Amino acid sequence: KLAGTPEAASFMRTLPHEYFDENDLHGMLINEIKDYLDAVAALDAFLPYVDNWATCDQLSCRGFAANPDAALAKARSWLESDHEYTVRFAIGVLMELFLDERFRLEFFAWVIGVSRPEYYVNMMRAWYFAEALAKQPAAAEAVIASGALDEWTHNKAIQKAVESRRIPAEQKDRLRAMKRRP
């Protein structure tokens, strides 16, 4: 009921918020924005203040499907951010919108090229490749086999894929054999 009201607009201009719940509400209000340009403007204003994975991951890119080329360019720019959760969100956009019919092999290189120390960025990279193993199995398995990922992300992607019900048993066996041992 709050979405689209003057009260919501006023609340969304008041950054930073003090409480976790305020940030989640802000994210939910962004999720209701259907216009691509308005959604991007709201995300650009809000993402620098996101400080946890839960708020980051509840942000939806539903409005991006109407303009996938622009969304892809925006996700690419967000990957270059200095802010941990902006980068995590960008990888989430690639995972949500660009692992199916819009998939291109170069997207793997983009995610591989993210070299950051933060746990929550690297966890998202692993989750991305675990999802890719389900949606683009041959291409993703080739990346895993190539050793292109750092050891932690490589092993975590395999772990997440092996735990998935969407990965066939024979693929799980191949992945287990690729796990790196220290």
Foldseek 3Di string as FASTA:
>chain_A
DPAPDPVLVVLLVDPDDDDPVSLLVLLVSLQPDQAQVVSVVSCVSNVQNDDDDVSLVVRDPVNCVVPVVVLLVVLLVQCVDPGQSSVLNSLVCCQPPALAPNDDLVVLVSLLPRDDDDPSSLLSSLVSLLSSCLRVVVSSVVVLQVCSHDLVSSQSNLVSNLPDPSHDPVSNVVSVVSRDDD
